[in-house]
């Protein structure tokens, strides 16, 4: 379960600062996502965050979500530019239907612990094909659907972290996905909340 994570000797401490060398003054970053609002899922997320709280930066305000694809830096601010509207029309044309996912066990990247998202019918792959966006420089080579729990506040031994994560167990939780959102967050707020700019309802309800 932790094989990729344990390829790293330690976790990476996330710096809580502005990164102008990255955003070059552009205020917002856009992305496509699925929001997590199911009460049982939110309870599970909070319990894992509390279990790991001494290892994570406090003040993590980004709402629970599954990132589908990155749009990138948005020079138009809160405006949905032509490329985004083109993607909206493409998603609507795909006629996507509601579908289930499962919120699974806890794992970790070097920068952050996360809850796994189980997608047995590969619905997320279908959505990502509908998005059909050019790969963004920030996209990982392998897509791992997940819900981030926060960012590590210092470098910890990965073996110790994996042991700590394994202390908390909870059943997988099924939840229904009925919409996709396009959202943005402020580039100078590493842990700041995001704002939803557009919602696409899925069919089948």
N, C-alpha and C. Protein backbone atom coordinates (compact mmCIF):
# COMPACT_ATOMS: atom_id res chain seq x y z
N UNK A 1 0.82 -1.22 0.00
CA UNK A 1 0.00 0.00 0.00
C UNK A 1 0.85 1.26 0.00
N UNK A 2 1.95 1.25 0.77
CA UNK A 2 2.80 2.44 0.89
C UNK A 2 4.06 2.35 0.04
N UNK A 3 4.11 1.43 -0.91
CA UNK A 3 5.35 1.15 -1.63
C UNK A 3 5.94 2.40 -2.31
N UNK A 4 5.12 3.17 -3.00
CA UNK A 4 5.62 4.38 -3.67
C UNK A 4 6.09 5.41 -2.64
N UNK A 5 5.30 5.57 -1.59
CA UNK A 5 5.64 6.53 -0.54
C UNK A 5 6.96 6.16 0.13
N UNK A 6 7.17 4.88 0.37
CA UNK A 6 8.37 4.43 1.08
C UNK A 6 9.62 4.45 0.20
N UNK A 7 9.43 4.75 -1.09
CA UNK A 7 10.61 4.97 -1.95
C UNK A 7 11.33 6.26 -1.56
N UNK A 8 10.65 7.10 -0.79
CA UNK A 8 11.23 8.34 -0.27
C UNK A 8 11.62 8.12 1.18
N UNK A 9 12.77 8.63 1.58
CA UNK A 9 13.22 8.44 2.96
C UNK A 9 12.42 9.29 3.93
N UNK A 10 12.10 10.51 3.53
CA UNK A 10 11.34 11.41 4.39
C UNK A 10 10.25 12.10 3.60
N UNK A 11 9.31 12.69 4.33
CA UNK A 11 8.31 13.55 3.71
C UNK A 11 8.97 14.89 3.38
N UNK A 12 8.25 15.73 2.63
CA UNK A 12 8.74 17.06 2.28
C UNK A 12 7.93 18.11 3.05
N UNK A 13 8.63 19.02 3.68
CA UNK A 13 7.95 20.12 4.35
C UNK A 13 7.43 21.12 3.31
N UNK A 14 6.16 21.47 3.42
CA UNK A 14 5.58 22.48 2.53
C UNK A 14 5.79 23.86 3.12
N UNK A 15 6.35 24.76 2.34
CA UNK A 15 6.53 26.14 2.79
C UNK A 15 5.22 26.91 2.64
N UNK A 16 4.82 27.57 3.69
CA UNK A 16 3.60 28.39 3.65
C UNK A 16 3.99 29.82 3.33
N UNK A 17 4.19 30.08 2.05
CA UNK A 17 4.57 31.42 1.61
C UNK A 17 4.03 31.66 0.21
N UNK A 18 4.11 32.88 -0.21
CA UNK A 18 3.78 33.23 -1.59
C UNK A 18 4.90 32.71 -2.49
N UNK A 19 4.55 32.31 -3.73
CA UNK A 19 5.54 31.80 -4.67
C UNK A 19 5.48 32.61 -5.97
N UNK A 20 5.93 33.88 -5.95
CA UNK A 20 5.86 34.73 -7.14
C UNK A 20 6.70 34.19 -8.30
N UNK A 21 7.74 33.41 -7.99
CA UNK A 21 8.53 32.81 -9.07
C UNK A 21 7.73 31.81 -9.87
N UNK A 22 6.63 31.33 -9.28
CA UNK A 22 5.74 30.40 -9.99
C UNK A 22 4.62 31.16 -10.70
N UNK A 23 3.87 31.98 -9.95
CA UNK A 23 2.67 32.60 -10.55
C UNK A 23 2.95 33.90 -11.28
N UNK A 24 4.12 34.51 -11.05
CA UNK A 24 4.52 35.73 -11.75
C UNK A 24 3.44 36.80 -11.70
N UNK A 25 2.79 36.93 -10.56
CA UNK A 25 1.80 37.98 -10.37
C UNK A 25 0.39 37.61 -10.78
N UNK A 26 0.19 36.44 -11.37
CA UNK A 26 -1.17 36.01 -11.74
C UNK A 26 -1.88 35.52 -10.48
N UNK A 27 -3.07 36.02 -10.25
CA UNK A 27 -3.72 35.88 -8.94
C UNK A 27 -4.44 34.56 -8.73
N UNK A 28 -4.90 33.90 -9.79
CA UNK A 28 -5.73 32.72 -9.61
C UNK A 28 -5.22 31.51 -10.41
N UNK A 29 -5.53 30.32 -9.89
CA UNK A 29 -5.21 29.06 -10.55
C UNK A 29 -6.51 28.27 -10.66
N UNK A 30 -6.80 27.74 -11.86
CA UNK A 30 -8.05 27.04 -12.10
C UNK A 30 -7.89 25.54 -12.23
N UNK A 31 -8.94 24.82 -11.86
CA UNK A 31 -8.90 23.36 -11.95
C UNK A 31 -10.33 22.80 -12.02
N UNK A 32 -10.45 21.58 -12.54
CA UNK A 32 -11.71 20.84 -12.60
C UNK A 32 -11.74 19.83 -11.47
N UNK A 33 -12.90 19.67 -10.83
CA UNK A 33 -12.92 18.81 -9.65
C UNK A 33 -14.32 18.25 -9.37
N UNK A 34 -14.33 17.30 -8.45
CA UNK A 34 -15.56 16.78 -7.85
C UNK A 34 -15.52 17.17 -6.37
N UNK A 35 -16.54 17.87 -5.92
CA UNK A 35 -16.59 18.25 -4.51
C UNK A 35 -17.09 17.08 -3.65
N UNK A 36 -16.59 17.01 -2.42
CA UNK A 36 -17.04 16.00 -1.48
C UNK A 36 -17.93 16.67 -0.45
N UNK A 37 -19.22 16.28 -0.43
CA UNK A 37 -20.16 16.90 0.51
C UNK A 37 -20.91 15.87 1.34
N UNK A 38 -20.76 14.58 1.05
CA UNK A 38 -21.43 13.53 1.80
C UNK A 38 -21.01 13.60 3.28
N UNK A 39 -21.99 13.57 4.17
CA UNK A 39 -21.71 13.76 5.60
C UNK A 39 -20.77 12.70 6.16
N UNK A 40 -20.97 11.43 5.78
CA UNK A 40 -20.11 10.36 6.29
C UNK A 40 -18.68 10.52 5.76
N UNK A 41 -18.55 10.95 4.51
CA UNK A 41 -17.22 11.19 3.94
C UNK A 41 -16.51 12.32 4.68
N UNK A 42 -17.25 13.39 4.96
CA UNK A 42 -16.65 14.53 5.65
C UNK A 42 -16.22 14.14 7.06
N UNK A 43 -17.01 13.31 7.72
CA UNK A 43 -16.64 12.83 9.06
C UNK A 43 -15.35 12.01 9.00
N UNK A 44 -15.24 11.16 7.99
CA UNK A 44 -14.04 10.34 7.83
C UNK A 44 -12.82 11.22 7.55
N UNK A 45 -12.98 12.21 6.70
CA UNK A 45 -11.88 13.13 6.37
C UNK A 45 -11.41 13.84 7.63
N UNK A 46 -12.35 14.37 8.41
CA UNK A 46 -11.98 15.10 9.63
C UNK A 46 -11.27 14.20 10.64
N UNK A 47 -11.72 12.95 10.77
CA UNK A 47 -11.09 12.06 11.75
C UNK A 47 -9.65 11.76 11.37
N UNK A 48 -9.38 11.60 10.07
CA UNK A 48 -8.00 11.36 9.63
C UNK A 48 -7.15 12.61 9.80
N UNK A 49 -7.73 13.77 9.52
CA UNK A 49 -6.98 15.02 9.73
C UNK A 49 -6.62 15.21 11.20
N UNK A 50 -7.55 14.88 12.08
CA UNK A 50 -7.28 15.01 13.51
C UNK A 50 -6.20 14.03 13.96
N UNK A 51 -6.23 12.81 13.41
CA UNK A 51 -5.23 11.80 13.77
C UNK A 51 -3.83 12.23 13.37
N UNK A 52 -3.73 12.97 12.26
CA UNK A 52 -2.43 13.38 11.72
C UNK A 52 -2.10 14.84 12.03
N UNK A 53 -2.90 15.48 12.86
CA UNK A 53 -2.82 16.94 13.02
C UNK A 53 -1.44 17.43 13.46
N UNK A 54 -0.73 16.67 14.27
CA UNK A 54 0.57 17.14 14.73
C UNK A 54 1.64 17.07 13.66
N UNK A 55 1.35 16.38 12.56
CA UNK A 55 2.29 16.26 11.44
C UNK A 55 1.97 17.23 10.31
N UNK A 56 0.83 17.91 10.40
CA UNK A 56 0.35 18.76 9.31
C UNK A 56 0.34 20.22 9.72
N UNK A 57 0.51 21.12 8.73
CA UNK A 57 0.32 22.54 8.99
C UNK A 57 -1.12 22.79 9.44
N UNK A 58 -1.31 23.64 10.40
CA UNK A 58 -2.66 24.05 10.79
C UNK A 58 -3.20 25.04 9.75
N UNK A 59 -4.50 25.24 9.78
CA UNK A 59 -5.10 26.24 8.90
C UNK A 59 -5.33 25.79 7.47
N UNK A 60 -5.46 24.47 7.24
CA UNK A 60 -5.75 23.99 5.89
C UNK A 60 -7.23 24.22 5.60
N UNK A 61 -7.54 25.13 4.66
CA UNK A 61 -8.91 25.56 4.40
C UNK A 61 -9.48 25.09 3.07
N UNK A 62 -8.69 24.39 2.28
CA UNK A 62 -9.20 23.97 0.97
C UNK A 62 -10.26 22.89 1.15
N UNK A 63 -11.42 23.10 0.57
CA UNK A 63 -12.53 22.19 0.77
C UNK A 63 -12.21 20.80 0.19
N UNK A 64 -12.74 19.73 0.81
CA UNK A 64 -12.49 18.38 0.31
C UNK A 64 -12.98 18.21 -1.13
N UNK A 65 -12.11 17.69 -1.97
CA UNK A 65 -12.45 17.54 -3.38
C UNK A 65 -11.52 16.53 -4.04
N UNK A 66 -11.93 16.07 -5.22
CA UNK A 66 -11.10 15.20 -6.06
C UNK A 66 -10.73 16.01 -7.30
N UNK A 67 -9.48 16.31 -7.48
CA UNK A 67 -9.05 17.04 -8.67
C UNK A 67 -9.13 16.13 -9.89
N UNK A 68 -9.73 16.64 -10.95
CA UNK A 68 -9.85 15.89 -12.21
C UNK A 68 -8.78 16.31 -13.21
N UNK A 69 -8.55 17.60 -13.33
CA UNK A 69 -7.56 18.12 -14.28
C UNK A 69 -7.24 19.56 -13.90
N UNK A 70 -6.04 19.98 -14.25
CA UNK A 70 -5.60 21.35 -13.97
C UNK A 70 -5.80 22.23 -15.19
N UNK A 71 -6.37 23.39 -14.97
CA UNK A 71 -6.50 24.37 -16.05
C UNK A 71 -5.27 25.26 -16.10
N UNK A 72 -4.75 25.64 -14.92
CA UNK A 72 -3.54 26.45 -14.86
C UNK A 72 -3.81 27.86 -14.39
N UNK A 73 -2.79 28.69 -14.49
CA UNK A 73 -2.89 30.09 -14.09
C UNK A 73 -3.92 30.82 -14.93
N UNK A 74 -4.76 31.63 -14.29
CA UNK A 74 -5.86 32.31 -14.97
C UNK A 74 -5.62 33.81 -14.98
N UNK A 75 -5.19 34.33 -16.10
CA UNK A 75 -4.93 35.76 -16.22
C UNK A 75 -6.23 36.55 -16.26
N UNK A 76 -7.36 35.90 -16.60
CA UNK A 76 -8.64 36.60 -16.68
C UNK A 76 -9.36 36.65 -15.34
N UNK A 77 -8.70 36.23 -14.28
CA UNK A 77 -9.35 36.26 -12.97
C UNK A 77 -10.54 35.34 -12.91
N UNK A 78 -11.70 35.87 -12.47
CA UNK A 78 -12.90 35.05 -12.27
C UNK A 78 -13.69 34.84 -13.56
N UNK A 79 -13.21 35.33 -14.68
CA UNK A 79 -13.93 35.14 -15.95
C UNK A 79 -13.66 33.76 -16.51
N UNK A 80 -14.71 33.16 -17.07
CA UNK A 80 -14.55 31.88 -17.76
C UNK A 80 -14.18 32.19 -19.20
N UNK A 81 -12.91 32.10 -19.51
CA UNK A 81 -12.43 32.43 -20.84
C UNK A 81 -12.89 31.45 -21.90
N UNK A 82 -12.60 31.73 -23.17
CA UNK A 82 -13.05 30.89 -24.28
C UNK A 82 -12.63 29.43 -24.16
N UNK A 83 -11.41 29.16 -23.71
CA UNK A 83 -10.96 27.77 -23.62
C UNK A 83 -11.74 27.01 -22.57
N UNK A 84 -12.09 27.68 -21.46
CA UNK A 84 -12.86 27.02 -20.41
C UNK A 84 -14.29 26.78 -20.88
N UNK A 85 -14.88 27.75 -21.54
CA UNK A 85 -16.24 27.57 -22.04
C UNK A 85 -16.31 26.47 -23.10
N UNK A 86 -15.25 26.35 -23.87
CA UNK A 86 -15.19 25.27 -24.86
C UNK A 86 -15.19 23.92 -24.15
N UNK A 87 -14.47 23.82 -23.05
CA UNK A 87 -14.45 22.58 -22.28
C UNK A 87 -15.80 22.31 -21.64
N UNK A 88 -16.47 23.35 -21.15
CA UNK A 88 -17.80 23.20 -20.57
C UNK A 88 -18.75 22.59 -21.59
N UNK A 89 -18.74 23.12 -22.81
CA UNK A 89 -19.63 22.59 -23.86
C UNK A 89 -19.29 21.14 -24.20
N UNK A 90 -17.99 20.82 -24.18
CA UNK A 90 -17.57 19.44 -24.48
C UNK A 90 -18.06 18.48 -23.39
N UNK A 91 -17.97 18.91 -22.13
CA UNK A 91 -18.45 18.07 -21.04
C UNK A 91 -19.97 17.89 -21.12
N UNK A 92 -20.67 18.95 -21.41
CA UNK A 92 -22.13 18.85 -21.52
C UNK A 92 -22.54 17.93 -22.67
N UNK A 93 -21.76 17.96 -23.75
CA UNK A 93 -22.05 17.10 -24.90
C UNK A 93 -21.79 15.62 -24.59
N UNK A 94 -20.94 15.35 -23.62
CA UNK A 94 -20.65 13.96 -23.24
C UNK A 94 -21.82 13.30 -22.52
N UNK A 95 -22.78 14.11 -22.06
CA UNK A 95 -23.98 13.58 -21.41
C UNK A 95 -23.62 12.62 -20.27
N UNK A 96 -22.76 13.06 -19.40
CA UNK A 96 -22.31 12.22 -18.29
C UNK A 96 -23.44 11.98 -17.30
N UNK A 97 -23.49 10.76 -16.76
CA UNK A 97 -24.54 10.37 -15.82
C UNK A 97 -23.95 10.25 -14.40
N UNK A 98 -24.84 10.37 -13.41
CA UNK A 98 -24.40 10.21 -12.02
C UNK A 98 -23.77 8.83 -11.85
N UNK A 99 -22.82 8.74 -10.92
CA UNK A 99 -22.14 7.47 -10.71
C UNK A 99 -21.60 7.41 -9.28
N UNK A 100 -21.32 6.21 -8.78
CA UNK A 100 -20.79 6.08 -7.43
C UNK A 100 -19.27 6.03 -7.40
N UNK A 101 -18.71 6.51 -6.31
CA UNK A 101 -17.30 6.33 -5.98
C UNK A 101 -17.24 5.88 -4.52
N UNK A 102 -16.05 5.42 -4.11
CA UNK A 102 -15.85 5.03 -2.72
C UNK A 102 -14.65 5.79 -2.16
N UNK A 103 -14.82 6.32 -0.96
CA UNK A 103 -13.72 6.95 -0.25
C UNK A 103 -13.03 5.88 0.58
N UNK A 104 -11.78 5.58 0.22
CA UNK A 104 -11.09 4.44 0.79
C UNK A 104 -10.11 4.78 1.89
N UNK A 105 -9.05 3.96 1.98
CA UNK A 105 -8.08 4.08 3.05
C UNK A 105 -7.10 5.22 2.85
N UNK A 106 -6.28 5.45 3.88
CA UNK A 106 -5.33 6.55 3.88
C UNK A 106 -3.98 6.09 3.32
N UNK A 107 -3.38 6.93 2.52
CA UNK A 107 -2.05 6.70 1.96
C UNK A 107 -1.34 8.06 1.98
N UNK A 108 -0.22 8.16 1.30
CA UNK A 108 0.49 9.44 1.34
C UNK A 108 1.37 9.65 0.12
N UNK A 109 1.45 10.89 -0.29
CA UNK A 109 2.49 11.38 -1.18
C UNK A 109 3.59 11.96 -0.29
N UNK A 110 4.75 12.26 -0.83
CA UNK A 110 5.80 12.86 0.01
C UNK A 110 5.38 14.20 0.63
N UNK A 111 4.50 14.94 -0.04
CA UNK A 111 4.10 16.26 0.46
C UNK A 111 2.86 16.25 1.34
N UNK A 112 2.03 15.21 1.19
CA UNK A 112 0.74 15.24 1.89
C UNK A 112 0.12 13.86 2.02
N UNK A 113 -0.57 13.60 3.14
CA UNK A 113 -1.37 12.39 3.25
C UNK A 113 -2.70 12.58 2.53
N UNK A 114 -3.31 11.48 2.13
CA UNK A 114 -4.58 11.59 1.41
C UNK A 114 -5.43 10.35 1.63
N UNK A 115 -6.73 10.48 1.33
CA UNK A 115 -7.63 9.35 1.31
C UNK A 115 -7.80 8.90 -0.13
N UNK A 116 -7.69 7.61 -0.34
CA UNK A 116 -7.80 7.05 -1.69
C UNK A 116 -9.25 7.12 -2.18
N UNK A 117 -9.41 7.28 -3.48
CA UNK A 117 -10.73 7.26 -4.11
C UNK A 117 -10.79 6.04 -5.01
N UNK A 118 -11.78 5.19 -4.76
CA UNK A 118 -11.92 3.94 -5.49
C UNK A 118 -12.96 4.12 -6.59
N UNK A 119 -12.56 3.80 -7.80
CA UNK A 119 -13.39 4.04 -8.99
C UNK A 119 -13.40 2.77 -9.85
N UNK A 120 -14.14 1.74 -9.43
CA UNK A 120 -14.05 0.43 -10.10
C UNK A 120 -14.49 0.42 -11.55
N UNK A 121 -15.35 1.34 -11.94
CA UNK A 121 -15.85 1.35 -13.32
C UNK A 121 -15.15 2.40 -14.18
N UNK A 122 -14.08 2.98 -13.66
CA UNK A 122 -13.26 3.95 -14.42
C UNK A 122 -14.07 5.14 -14.93
N UNK A 123 -15.04 5.58 -14.15
CA UNK A 123 -15.81 6.76 -14.55
C UNK A 123 -14.94 8.02 -14.62
N UNK A 124 -13.96 8.11 -13.74
CA UNK A 124 -13.11 9.30 -13.74
C UNK A 124 -12.27 9.37 -15.00
N UNK A 125 -11.85 8.22 -15.50
CA UNK A 125 -11.10 8.20 -16.76
C UNK A 125 -11.97 8.70 -17.90
N UNK A 126 -13.25 8.33 -17.88
CA UNK A 126 -14.19 8.80 -18.91
C UNK A 126 -14.33 10.32 -18.85
N UNK A 127 -14.45 10.85 -17.64
CA UNK A 127 -14.58 12.30 -17.49
C UNK A 127 -13.33 13.01 -17.97
N UNK A 128 -12.18 12.46 -17.62
CA UNK A 128 -10.92 13.10 -18.03
C UNK A 128 -10.77 13.07 -19.56
N UNK A 129 -11.29 12.02 -20.18
CA UNK A 129 -11.27 12.00 -21.66
C UNK A 129 -12.20 13.06 -22.22
N UNK A 130 -13.34 13.27 -21.56
CA UNK A 130 -14.26 14.32 -22.01
C UNK A 130 -13.64 15.71 -21.84
N UNK A 131 -12.88 15.87 -20.78
CA UNK A 131 -12.20 17.15 -20.58
C UNK A 131 -11.24 17.42 -21.73
N UNK A 132 -10.55 16.34 -22.15
CA UNK A 132 -9.73 16.39 -23.37
C UNK A 132 -8.80 17.59 -23.41
N UNK A 133 -8.33 17.99 -22.24
CA UNK A 133 -7.45 19.15 -22.20
C UNK A 133 -6.00 18.72 -22.41
N UNK A 134 -5.19 19.63 -22.95
CA UNK A 134 -3.77 19.33 -23.12
C UNK A 134 -3.14 19.14 -21.74
N UNK A 135 -2.26 18.18 -21.59
CA UNK A 135 -1.64 17.95 -20.28
C UNK A 135 -1.01 19.22 -19.74
N UNK A 136 -1.27 19.50 -18.46
CA UNK A 136 -0.70 20.66 -17.81
C UNK A 136 0.64 20.27 -17.20
N UNK A 137 1.55 21.22 -17.14
CA UNK A 137 2.90 20.94 -16.62
C UNK A 137 2.86 20.43 -15.19
N UNK A 138 1.83 20.79 -14.44
CA UNK A 138 1.73 20.37 -13.05
C UNK A 138 1.07 19.03 -12.86
N UNK A 139 0.52 18.43 -13.91
CA UNK A 139 -0.14 17.14 -13.79
C UNK A 139 0.87 16.04 -13.47
N UNK A 140 0.52 15.14 -12.54
CA UNK A 140 1.42 14.00 -12.28
C UNK A 140 1.42 13.05 -13.46
N UNK A 141 2.51 12.28 -13.60
CA UNK A 141 2.60 11.33 -14.70
C UNK A 141 1.52 10.25 -14.60
N UNK A 142 1.21 9.84 -13.38
CA UNK A 142 0.16 8.85 -13.14
C UNK A 142 -0.95 9.52 -12.34
N UNK A 143 -2.17 9.46 -12.86
CA UNK A 143 -3.30 10.08 -12.17
C UNK A 143 -3.74 9.20 -11.00
N UNK A 144 -3.77 9.77 -9.81
CA UNK A 144 -4.20 9.06 -8.61
C UNK A 144 -5.34 9.85 -7.98
N UNK A 145 -6.59 9.44 -8.19
CA UNK A 145 -7.70 10.18 -7.58
C UNK A 145 -7.62 10.10 -6.06
N UNK A 146 -7.77 11.24 -5.39
CA UNK A 146 -7.58 11.26 -3.95
C UNK A 146 -8.19 12.52 -3.35
N UNK A 147 -8.29 12.52 -2.03
CA UNK A 147 -8.71 13.70 -1.28
C UNK A 147 -7.57 14.07 -0.35
N UNK A 148 -6.97 15.23 -0.57
CA UNK A 148 -5.84 15.69 0.24
C UNK A 148 -6.30 16.02 1.66
N UNK A 149 -5.49 15.63 2.64
CA UNK A 149 -5.83 15.88 4.05
C UNK A 149 -5.09 17.08 4.63
N UNK A 150 -4.10 17.60 3.93
CA UNK A 150 -3.29 18.71 4.42
C UNK A 150 -1.86 18.53 3.96
N UNK A 151 -0.96 19.40 4.43
CA UNK A 151 0.44 19.36 4.01
C UNK A 151 1.35 19.15 5.22
N UNK A 152 2.40 18.34 5.03
CA UNK A 152 3.34 18.06 6.11
C UNK A 152 4.06 19.34 6.55
N UNK A 153 4.22 19.48 7.87
CA UNK A 153 4.85 20.68 8.43
C UNK A 153 6.35 20.55 8.61
N UNK A 154 6.90 19.36 8.38
CA UNK A 154 8.35 19.17 8.40
C UNK A 154 8.68 17.83 7.74
N UNK A 155 9.95 17.51 7.65
CA UNK A 155 10.38 16.24 7.07
C UNK A 155 10.28 15.15 8.15
N UNK A 156 9.47 14.13 7.86
CA UNK A 156 9.32 13.00 8.78
C UNK A 156 9.77 11.71 8.09
N UNK A 157 10.25 10.79 8.87
CA UNK A 157 10.62 9.47 8.36
C UNK A 157 9.37 8.81 7.78
N UNK A 158 9.42 8.41 6.52
CA UNK A 158 8.23 7.85 5.87
C UNK A 158 7.77 6.54 6.51
N UNK A 159 8.71 5.76 7.03
CA UNK A 159 8.32 4.51 7.70
C UNK A 159 7.47 4.83 8.93
N UNK A 160 7.89 5.84 9.71
CA UNK A 160 7.12 6.23 10.89
C UNK A 160 5.75 6.78 10.51
N UNK A 161 5.71 7.56 9.44
CA UNK A 161 4.43 8.11 9.00
C UNK A 161 3.49 6.99 8.56
N UNK A 162 4.00 6.03 7.80
CA UNK A 162 3.15 4.93 7.35
C UNK A 162 2.62 4.13 8.53
N UNK A 163 3.43 3.97 9.56
CA UNK A 163 2.97 3.27 10.76
C UNK A 163 1.88 4.08 11.47
N UNK A 164 2.07 5.38 11.53
CA UNK A 164 1.09 6.25 12.17
C UNK A 164 -0.23 6.24 11.41
N UNK A 165 -0.16 6.30 10.08
CA UNK A 165 -1.36 6.25 9.27
C UNK A 165 -2.11 4.94 9.48
N UNK A 166 -1.37 3.83 9.60
CA UNK A 166 -1.98 2.50 9.73
C UNK A 166 -2.72 2.31 11.05
N UNK A 167 -2.51 3.22 12.00
CA UNK A 167 -3.17 3.10 13.29
C UNK A 167 -4.66 3.40 13.21
N UNK A 168 -5.07 4.16 12.19
CA UNK A 168 -6.48 4.52 12.05
C UNK A 168 -7.09 3.74 10.88
N UNK A 169 -8.16 3.04 11.16
CA UNK A 169 -8.84 2.22 10.17
C UNK A 169 -10.30 2.64 10.10
N UNK A 170 -10.85 2.64 8.91
CA UNK A 170 -12.27 2.94 8.74
C UNK A 170 -12.77 2.28 7.46
N UNK A 171 -14.05 1.93 7.40
CA UNK A 171 -14.58 1.27 6.21
C UNK A 171 -14.64 2.22 5.02
N UNK A 172 -14.60 1.65 3.81
CA UNK A 172 -14.80 2.45 2.61
C UNK A 172 -16.23 3.00 2.62
N UNK A 173 -16.39 4.21 2.12
CA UNK A 173 -17.70 4.85 2.11
C UNK A 173 -18.11 5.13 0.68
N UNK A 174 -19.28 4.65 0.29
CA UNK A 174 -19.81 4.92 -1.04
C UNK A 174 -20.51 6.28 -1.04
N UNK A 175 -20.28 7.05 -2.10
CA UNK A 175 -21.00 8.31 -2.27
C UNK A 175 -21.30 8.52 -3.74
N UNK A 176 -22.27 9.37 -4.02
CA UNK A 176 -22.74 9.60 -5.40
C UNK A 176 -22.17 10.90 -5.95
N UNK A 177 -21.66 10.84 -7.16
CA UNK A 177 -21.16 12.03 -7.86
C UNK A 177 -22.27 12.51 -8.79
N UNK A 178 -22.75 13.74 -8.57
CA UNK A 178 -23.84 14.26 -9.41
C UNK A 178 -23.49 15.57 -10.10
N UNK A 179 -22.26 16.06 -9.91
CA UNK A 179 -21.84 17.25 -10.64
C UNK A 179 -20.32 17.37 -10.68
N UNK A 180 -19.86 18.13 -11.66
CA UNK A 180 -18.45 18.47 -11.82
C UNK A 180 -18.35 19.98 -11.70
N UNK A 181 -17.29 20.47 -11.07
CA UNK A 181 -17.15 21.92 -10.91
C UNK A 181 -15.85 22.41 -11.53
N UNK A 182 -15.89 23.66 -11.95
CA UNK A 182 -14.66 24.37 -12.30
C UNK A 182 -14.44 25.39 -11.20
N UNK A 183 -13.25 25.38 -10.61
CA UNK A 183 -12.98 26.23 -9.45
C UNK A 183 -11.62 26.91 -9.60
N UNK A 184 -11.39 27.87 -8.73
CA UNK A 184 -10.09 28.56 -8.71
C UNK A 184 -9.70 28.86 -7.26
N UNK A 185 -8.40 28.92 -7.02
CA UNK A 185 -7.91 29.38 -5.72
C UNK A 185 -6.86 30.46 -5.93
N UNK A 186 -6.62 31.24 -4.89
CA UNK A 186 -5.64 32.31 -4.98
C UNK A 186 -4.23 31.73 -4.92
N UNK A 187 -3.40 32.15 -5.84
CA UNK A 187 -2.06 31.56 -5.95
C UNK A 187 -1.16 31.90 -4.77
N UNK A 188 -1.48 32.94 -4.02
CA UNK A 188 -0.63 33.31 -2.89
C UNK A 188 -1.07 32.66 -1.58
N UNK A 189 -2.06 31.74 -1.66
CA UNK A 189 -2.57 31.06 -0.47
C UNK A 189 -2.42 29.56 -0.65
N UNK A 190 -1.34 29.00 -0.13
CA UNK A 190 -1.05 27.58 -0.32
C UNK A 190 -2.16 26.69 0.23
N UNK A 191 -2.75 27.11 1.34
CA UNK A 191 -3.78 26.30 1.99
C UNK A 191 -5.16 26.96 1.93
N UNK A 192 -5.31 27.96 1.09
CA UNK A 192 -6.55 28.72 1.06
C UNK A 192 -7.70 27.99 0.41
N UNK A 193 -8.93 28.46 0.64
CA UNK A 193 -10.11 27.83 0.04
C UNK A 193 -10.20 28.13 -1.45
N UNK A 194 -11.01 27.35 -2.13
CA UNK A 194 -11.25 27.62 -3.55
C UNK A 194 -12.65 28.20 -3.73
N UNK A 195 -12.87 28.78 -4.88
CA UNK A 195 -14.18 29.34 -5.23
C UNK A 195 -14.68 28.65 -6.49
N UNK A 196 -15.90 28.15 -6.45
CA UNK A 196 -16.49 27.49 -7.61
C UNK A 196 -17.03 28.55 -8.57
N UNK A 197 -16.60 28.46 -9.84
CA UNK A 197 -17.05 29.40 -10.86
C UNK A 197 -18.13 28.82 -11.76
N UNK A 198 -18.17 27.49 -11.88
CA UNK A 198 -19.17 26.88 -12.76
C UNK A 198 -19.46 25.46 -12.29
N UNK A 199 -20.73 25.05 -12.39
CA UNK A 199 -21.15 23.70 -12.01
C UNK A 199 -21.82 23.03 -13.20
N UNK A 200 -21.50 21.77 -13.41
CA UNK A 200 -22.12 20.98 -14.47
C UNK A 200 -22.84 19.81 -13.82
N UNK A 201 -24.17 19.81 -13.87
CA UNK A 201 -24.95 18.74 -13.29
C UNK A 201 -24.90 17.51 -14.19
N UNK A 202 -24.78 16.34 -13.59
CA UNK A 202 -24.79 15.11 -14.35
C UNK A 202 -26.22 14.59 -14.46
N UNK A 203 -26.50 13.82 -15.51
CA UNK A 203 -27.83 13.30 -15.75
C UNK A 203 -28.10 12.02 -14.97
N UNK A 204 -29.37 11.65 -14.92
CA UNK A 204 -29.73 10.36 -14.34
C UNK A 204 -30.40 10.43 -12.99
N UNK A 205 -30.56 11.62 -12.42
CA UNK A 205 -31.20 11.71 -11.12
C UNK A 205 -32.73 11.65 -11.28
